[in-house]
Amino acid sequence: MKRFFHYFVQGLLVFIPIIITFAILVKVFDFFSSLFSFFGFSNNAFINTSLGLILSLSVIALMGVLASSLLFKYVFNWLEERLVHAPLIRHIYSPIKDFTGAFMGNKKRFNKPVLVTIDKTNNIQQLGFITQTDLSDLGISDKVAVYLPLSYSLSGKLVIVPSNQVEKINKEASEVMKFVISGGVTDVD
């Protein structure tokens, strides 16, 4: 029974990302296929399906081309500038942008993996990432801000701990993040 459960969990770890990716692609495909059927381009289901597939692949590739062009970056920067200064939207957009930027792009913030001692008495530690080493703006000295991600989630909590309770880890931040998010079942390279 243990062996079955082990294989079942391993199968889920492989199966779930594939299924989620496949589901997103199917939704995009269904959207474009339904456009051809809705507008009555053809009564033949095979033609509508083929055109939907071609259009889906084309739109995804076009988004990739646009994302790497200077014009798209200019338009995106212009739009982003408007969103950052919009009265209500900025309180939603800015934190989401900062959070996703912390994981991806050129401004990755979770790049200093550490081991934080949470309970000295029982020697309980938790993996996290230093986000700020200087908290003097908050009137805090000799402490650092550490983000502690939760397993199987992209959420976490921020803790302020004394610097001496933080031990740096000499591993890639992405490997440590994968390890934490997977609940410790992923191997660290």
C-alpha atoms as a PDB file:
ATOM      1  CA  MET A   1       0.000   0.000   0.000  1.00  0.00           C
ATOM      2  CA  LYS A   2       2.869   2.385   0.800  1.00  0.00           C
ATOM      3  CA  ARG A   3       4.419   1.707  -2.585  1.00  0.00           C
ATOM      4  CA  PHE A   4       1.100   2.458  -4.330  1.00  0.00           C
ATOM      5  CA  PHE A   5       0.733   5.721  -2.407  1.00  0.00           C
ATOM      6  CA  HIS A   6       4.329   6.694  -3.257  1.00  0.00           C
ATOM      7  CA  TYR A   7       3.720   6.054  -6.966  1.00  0.00           C
ATOM      8  CA  PHE A   8       0.385   7.848  -6.811  1.00  0.00           C
ATOM      9  CA  VAL A   9       1.943  11.001  -5.310  1.00  0.00           C
ATOM     10  CA  GLN A  10       4.789  10.883  -7.828  1.00  0.00           C
ATOM     11  CA  GLY A  11       2.245  10.529 -10.617  1.00  0.00           C
ATOM     12  CA  LEU A  12       0.371  13.588  -9.339  1.00  0.00           C
ATOM     13  CA  LEU A  13       3.551  15.646  -9.277  1.00  0.00           C
ATOM     14  CA  VAL A  14       4.110  14.839 -12.945  1.00  0.00           C
ATOM     15  CA  PHE A  15       0.467  14.870 -13.991  1.00  0.00           C
ATOM     16  CA  ILE A  16      -0.838  18.089 -12.389  1.00  0.00           C
ATOM     17  CA  PRO A  17       1.479  20.631 -14.134  1.00  0.00           C
ATOM     18  CA  ILE A  18       0.863  18.905 -17.475  1.00  0.00           C
ATOM     19  CA  ILE A  19      -2.911  18.942 -16.985  1.00  0.00           C
ATOM     20  CA  ILE A  20      -2.997  22.598 -15.916  1.00  0.00           C
ATOM     21  CA  THR A  21      -0.920  23.602 -18.951  1.00  0.00           C
ATOM     22  CA  PHE A  22      -3.080  21.445 -21.209  1.00  0.00           C
ATOM     23  CA  ALA A  23      -6.293  22.912 -19.726  1.00  0.00           C
ATOM     24  CA  ILE A  24      -5.136  26.466 -20.404  1.00  0.00           C
ATOM     25  CA  LEU A  25      -4.224  25.603 -23.991  1.00  0.00           C
ATOM     26  CA  VAL A  26      -7.599  23.860 -24.494  1.00  0.00           C
ATOM     27  CA  LYS A  27      -9.459  26.942 -23.192  1.00  0.00           C
ATOM     28  CA  VAL A  28      -7.542  29.187 -25.596  1.00  0.00           C
ATOM     29  CA  PHE A  29      -8.225  26.740 -28.424  1.00  0.00           C
ATOM     30  CA  ASP A  30     -11.936  26.499 -27.543  1.00  0.00           C
ATOM     31  CA  PHE A  31     -12.232  30.268 -27.498  1.00  0.00           C
ATOM     32  CA  PHE A  32     -10.847  30.690 -31.001  1.00  0.00           C
ATOM     33  CA  SER A  33     -12.713  27.661 -32.376  1.00  0.00           C
ATOM     34  CA  SER A  34     -15.983  29.028 -31.031  1.00  0.00           C
ATOM     35  CA  LEU A  35     -15.326  32.347 -32.754  1.00  0.00           C
ATOM     36  CA  PHE A  36     -15.329  30.639 -36.148  1.00  0.00           C
ATOM     37  CA  SER A  37     -18.494  28.695 -35.320  1.00  0.00           C
ATOM     38  CA  PHE A  38     -20.227  31.756 -33.871  1.00  0.00           C
ATOM     39  CA  PHE A  39     -19.609  33.934 -36.898  1.00  0.00           C
ATOM     40  CA  GLY A  40     -20.598  31.126 -39.245  1.00  0.00           C
ATOM     41  CA  PHE A  41     -17.300  31.036 -41.088  1.00  0.00           C
ATOM     42  CA  SER A  42     -17.880  27.402 -41.946  1.00  0.00           C
ATOM     43  CA  ASN A  43     -20.446  24.711 -41.183  1.00  0.00           C
ATOM     44  CA  ASN A  44     -17.733  22.081 -41.185  1.00  0.00           C
ATOM     45  CA  ALA A  45     -16.572  21.290 -37.621  1.00  0.00           C
ATOM     46  CA  PHE A  46     -13.191  20.023 -38.852  1.00  0.00           C
ATOM     47  CA  ILE A  47     -12.446  23.338 -40.603  1.00  0.00           C
ATOM     48  CA  ASN A  48     -13.504  25.347 -37.532  1.00  0.00           C
ATOM     49  CA  THR A  49     -11.346  23.149 -35.300  1.00  0.00           C
ATOM     50  CA  SER A  50      -8.341  23.419 -37.626  1.00  0.00           C
ATOM     51  CA  LEU A  51      -8.687  27.174 -37.912  1.00  0.00           C
ATOM     52  CA  GLY A  52      -9.068  27.439 -34.142  1.00  0.00           C
ATOM     53  CA  LEU A  53      -5.865  25.466 -33.623  1.00  0.00           C
ATOM     54  CA  ILE A  54      -3.945  27.548 -36.169  1.00  0.00           C
ATOM     55  CA  LEU A  55      -5.232  30.807 -34.697  1.00  0.00           C
ATOM     56  CA  SER A  56      -4.456  29.665 -31.118  1.00  0.00           C
ATOM     57  CA  LEU A  57      -0.861  28.806 -31.986  1.00  0.00           C
ATOM     58  CA  SER A  58      -0.508  32.033 -33.974  1.00  0.00           C
ATOM     59  CA  VAL A  59      -1.825  34.242 -31.161  1.00  0.00           C
ATOM     60  CA  ILE A  60       0.465  32.607 -28.583  1.00  0.00           C
ATOM     61  CA  ALA A  61       3.485  33.034 -30.893  1.00  0.00           C
ATOM     62  CA  LEU A  62       2.446  36.625 -31.668  1.00  0.00           C
ATOM     63  CA  MET A  63       2.294  37.409 -27.948  1.00  0.00           C
ATOM     64  CA  GLY A  64       5.867  36.114 -27.669  1.00  0.00           C
ATOM     65  CA  VAL A  65       7.002  38.302 -30.563  1.00  0.00           C
ATOM     66  CA  LEU A  66       5.223  41.352 -29.171  1.00  0.00           C
ATOM     67  CA  ALA A  67       6.610  40.814 -25.680  1.00  0.00           C
ATOM     68  CA  SER A  68      10.151  41.037 -27.046  1.00  0.00           C
ATOM     69  CA  SER A  69       9.620  44.074 -29.287  1.00  0.00           C
ATOM     70  CA  LEU A  70      10.533  47.629 -28.327  1.00  0.00           C
ATOM     71  CA  LEU A  71       7.140  48.972 -29.382  1.00  0.00           C
ATOM     72  CA  PHE A  72       5.333  46.586 -27.041  1.00  0.00           C
ATOM     73  CA  LYS A  73       7.637  47.556 -24.189  1.00  0.00           C
ATOM     74  CA  TYR A  74       6.943  51.243 -24.864  1.00  0.00           C
ATOM     75  CA  VAL A  75       3.162  50.687 -24.949  1.00  0.00           C
ATOM     76  CA  PHE A  76       3.318  48.489 -21.852  1.00  0.00           C
ATOM     77  CA  ASN A  77       5.383  51.094 -19.949  1.00  0.00           C
ATOM     78  CA  TRP A  78       2.889  53.795 -20.928  1.00  0.00           C
ATOM     79  CA  LEU A  79      -0.053  51.667 -19.753  1.00  0.00           C
ATOM     80  CA  GLU A  80       1.757  50.708 -16.572  1.00  0.00           C
ATOM     81  CA  GLU A  81       2.451  54.363 -15.777  1.00  0.00           C
ATOM     82  CA  ARG A  82      -1.297  55.054 -15.974  1.00  0.00           C
ATOM     83  CA  LEU A  83      -2.154  52.061 -13.769  1.00  0.00           C
ATOM     84  CA  VAL A  84       0.406  53.000 -11.111  1.00  0.00           C
ATOM     85  CA  HIS A  85      -1.140  56.471 -10.759  1.00  0.00           C
ATOM     86  CA  ALA A  86      -4.845  55.530 -11.017  1.00  0.00           C
ATOM     87  CA  PRO A  87      -6.499  56.192  -7.629  1.00  0.00           C
ATOM     88  CA  LEU A  88      -8.037  52.788  -6.813  1.00  0.00           C
ATOM     89  CA  ILE A  89      -6.234  50.547  -9.285  1.00  0.00           C
ATOM     90  CA  ARG A  90      -2.754  51.392  -8.003  1.00  0.00           C
ATOM     91  CA  HIS A  91      -3.513  49.713  -4.663  1.00  0.00           C
ATOM     92  CA  ILE A  92      -4.301  46.501  -6.498  1.00  0.00           C
ATOM     93  CA  TYR A  93      -1.874  46.619  -9.419  1.00  0.00           C
ATOM     94  CA  SER A  94       1.302  47.723  -7.615  1.00  0.00           C
ATOM     95  CA  PRO A  95       1.414  44.964  -4.966  1.00  0.00           C
ATOM     96  CA  ILE A  96       0.628  42.287  -7.567  1.00  0.00           C
ATOM     97  CA  LYS A  97       3.320  43.660  -9.871  1.00  0.00           C
ATOM     98  CA  ASP A  98       5.863  43.781  -7.041  1.00  0.00           C
ATOM     99  CA  PHE A  99       4.997  40.246  -5.945  1.00  0.00           C
ATOM    100  CA  THR A 100       5.296  38.750  -9.431  1.00  0.00           C
ATOM    101  CA  GLY A 101       8.460  40.786 -10.054  1.00  0.00           C
ATOM    102  CA  ALA A 102       9.941  39.240  -6.921  1.00  0.00           C
ATOM    103  CA  PHE A 103       9.695  35.802  -8.561  1.00  0.00           C
ATOM    104  CA  MET A 104      10.437  36.636 -12.225  1.00  0.00           C
ATOM    105  CA  GLY A 105      12.231  39.098 -14.443  1.00  0.00           C
ATOM    106  CA  ASN A 106      15.342  41.164 -13.887  1.00  0.00           C
ATOM    107  CA  LYS A 107      14.370  42.413 -10.426  1.00  0.00           C
ATOM    108  CA  LYS A 108      14.073  39.105  -8.587  1.00  0.00           C
ATOM    109  CA  ARG A 109      13.828  39.842  -4.879  1.00  0.00           C
ATOM    110  CA  PHE A 110      13.835  36.328  -3.457  1.00  0.00           C
ATOM    111  CA  ASN A 111      17.499  35.746  -4.235  1.00  0.00           C
ATOM    112  CA  LYS A 112      18.961  35.315  -0.731  1.00  0.00           C
ATOM    113  CA  PRO A 113      17.822  31.967   0.683  1.00  0.00           C
ATOM    114  CA  VAL A 114      18.238  31.550   4.425  1.00  0.00           C
ATOM    115  CA  LEU A 115      17.417  29.205   7.247  1.00  0.00           C
ATOM    116  CA  VAL A 116      15.604  31.033  10.080  1.00  0.00           C
ATOM    117  CA  THR A 117      15.545  29.722  13.626  1.00  0.00           C
ATOM    118  CA  ILE A 118      11.915  30.055  14.658  1.00  0.00           C
ATOM    119  CA  ASP A 119      12.148  28.252  18.016  1.00  0.00           C
ATOM    120  CA  LYS A 120      15.584  28.126  19.658  1.00  0.00           C
ATOM    121  CA  THR A 121      14.466  25.800  22.440  1.00  0.00           C
ATOM    122  CA  ASN A 122      13.348  23.022  20.087  1.00  0.00           C
ATOM    123  CA  ASN A 123      15.749  24.018  17.275  1.00  0.00           C
ATOM    124  CA  ILE A 124      12.884  24.521  14.786  1.00  0.00           C
ATOM    125  CA  GLN A 125      13.953  26.258  11.612  1.00  0.00           C
ATOM    126  CA  GLN A 126      12.193  27.422   8.468  1.00  0.00           C
ATOM    127  CA  LEU A 127      13.433  28.200   4.967  1.00  0.00           C
ATOM    128  CA  GLY A 128      12.941  31.748   3.754  1.00  0.00           C
ATOM    129  CA  PHE A 129      14.385  34.621   1.766  1.00  0.00           C
ATOM    130  CA  ILE A 130      15.864  37.865   3.061  1.00  0.00           C
ATOM    131  CA  THR A 131      13.944  40.754   1.521  1.00  0.00           C
ATOM    132  CA  GLN A 132      15.439  43.681   3.488  1.00  0.00           C
ATOM    133  CA  THR A 133      18.609  43.903   5.532  1.00  0.00           C
ATOM    134  CA  ASP A 134      18.229  47.561   6.522  1.00  0.00           C
ATOM    135  CA  LEU A 135      15.038  48.288   8.470  1.00  0.00           C
ATOM    136  CA  SER A 136      16.181  51.648   9.845  1.00  0.00           C
ATOM    137  CA  ASP A 137      13.333  53.415   8.003  1.00  0.00           C
ATOM    138  CA  LEU A 138      10.977  51.514  10.323  1.00  0.00           C
ATOM    139  CA  GLY A 139      13.099  52.315  13.381  1.00  0.00           C
ATOM    140  CA  ILE A 140      14.308  48.703  13.652  1.00  0.00           C
ATOM    141  CA  SER A 141      17.975  47.849  14.065  1.00  0.00           C
ATOM    142  CA  ASP A 142      19.931  44.578  14.119  1.00  0.00           C
ATOM    143  CA  LYS A 143      17.058  42.711  12.473  1.00  0.00           C
ATOM    144  CA  VAL A 144      16.241  41.628   8.940  1.00  0.00           C
ATOM    145  CA  ALA A 145      13.000  41.057   7.029  1.00  0.00           C
ATOM    146  CA  VAL A 146      12.554  37.464   5.893  1.00  0.00           C
ATOM    147  CA  TYR A 147       9.783  36.190   3.638  1.00  0.00           C
ATOM    148  CA  LEU A 148       8.712  32.664   4.588  1.00  0.00           C
ATOM    149  CA  PRO A 149       6.858  31.038   1.663  1.00  0.00           C
ATOM    150  CA  LEU A 150       4.198  28.437   2.344  1.00  0.00           C
ATOM    151  CA  SER A 151       4.258  24.991   0.762  1.00  0.00           C
ATOM    152  CA  TYR A 152       1.887  24.274  -2.142  1.00  0.00           C
ATOM    153  CA  SER A 153       1.123  27.975  -2.419  1.00  0.00           C
ATOM    154  CA  LEU A 154       2.577  31.239  -3.630  1.00  0.00           C
ATOM    155  CA  SER A 155       1.627  32.913  -0.382  1.00  0.00           C
ATOM    156  CA  GLY A 156       3.727  33.317   2.709  1.00  0.00           C
ATOM    157  CA  LYS A 157       4.408  35.598   5.620  1.00  0.00           C
ATOM    158  CA  LEU A 158       6.940  38.262   6.446  1.00  0.00           C
ATOM    159  CA  VAL A 159       8.810  37.974   9.723  1.00  0.00           C
ATOM    160  CA  ILE A 160      11.292  40.334  11.330  1.00  0.00           C
ATOM    161  CA  VAL A 161      14.018  38.370  13.085  1.00  0.00           C
ATOM    162  CA  PRO A 162      17.361  39.154  14.691  1.00  0.00           C
ATOM    163  CA  SER A 163      20.242  38.842  12.244  1.00  0.00           C
ATOM    164  CA  ASN A 164      21.886  36.173  14.401  1.00  0.00           C
ATOM    165  CA  GLN A 165      18.897  33.844  13.887  1.00  0.00           C
ATOM    166  CA  VAL A 166      19.437  33.803  10.123  1.00  0.00           C
ATOM    167  CA  GLU A 167      21.829  31.390   8.441  1.00  0.00           C
ATOM    168  CA  LYS A 168      22.599  31.832   4.737  1.00  0.00           C
ATOM    169  CA  ILE A 169      22.159  28.848   2.435  1.00  0.00           C
ATOM    170  CA  ASN A 170      24.623  28.316  -0.426  1.00  0.00           C
ATOM    171  CA  LYS A 171      22.065  27.082  -2.965  1.00  0.00           C
ATOM    172  CA  GLU A 172      20.304  28.684  -5.909  1.00  0.00           C
ATOM    173  CA  ALA A 173      17.272  30.673  -4.745  1.00  0.00           C
ATOM    174  CA  SER A 174      15.073  29.042  -7.398  1.00  0.00           C
ATOM    175  CA  GLU A 175      16.002  25.571  -6.122  1.00  0.00           C
ATOM    176  CA  VAL A 176      15.209  26.530  -2.533  1.00  0.00           C
ATOM    177  CA  MET A 177      11.877  28.072  -3.598  1.00  0.00           C
ATOM    178  CA  LYS A 178      10.965  24.881  -5.514  1.00  0.00           C
ATOM    179  CA  PHE A 179      11.860  22.833  -2.453  1.00  0.00           C
ATOM    180  CA  VAL A 180       9.683  24.929  -0.123  1.00  0.00           C
ATOM    181  CA  ILE A 181       6.688  25.200  -2.461  1.00  0.00           C
ATOM    182  CA  SER A 182       6.746  21.455  -3.142  1.00  0.00           C
ATOM    183  CA  GLY A 183       6.584  20.751   0.583  1.00  0.00           C
ATOM    184  CA  GLY A 184      10.120  19.355   0.588  1.00  0.00           C
ATOM    185  CA  VAL A 185       9.499  16.559  -1.907  1.00  0.00           C
ATOM    186  CA  THR A 186      11.520  18.078  -4.760  1.00  0.00           C
ATOM    187  CA  ASP A 187      15.211  17.267  -4.907  1.00  0.00           C
ATOM    188  CA  VAL A 188      17.589  20.228  -4.702  1.00  0.00           C
ATOM    189  CA  ASP A 189      20.291  20.185  -7.384  1.00  0.00           C
END
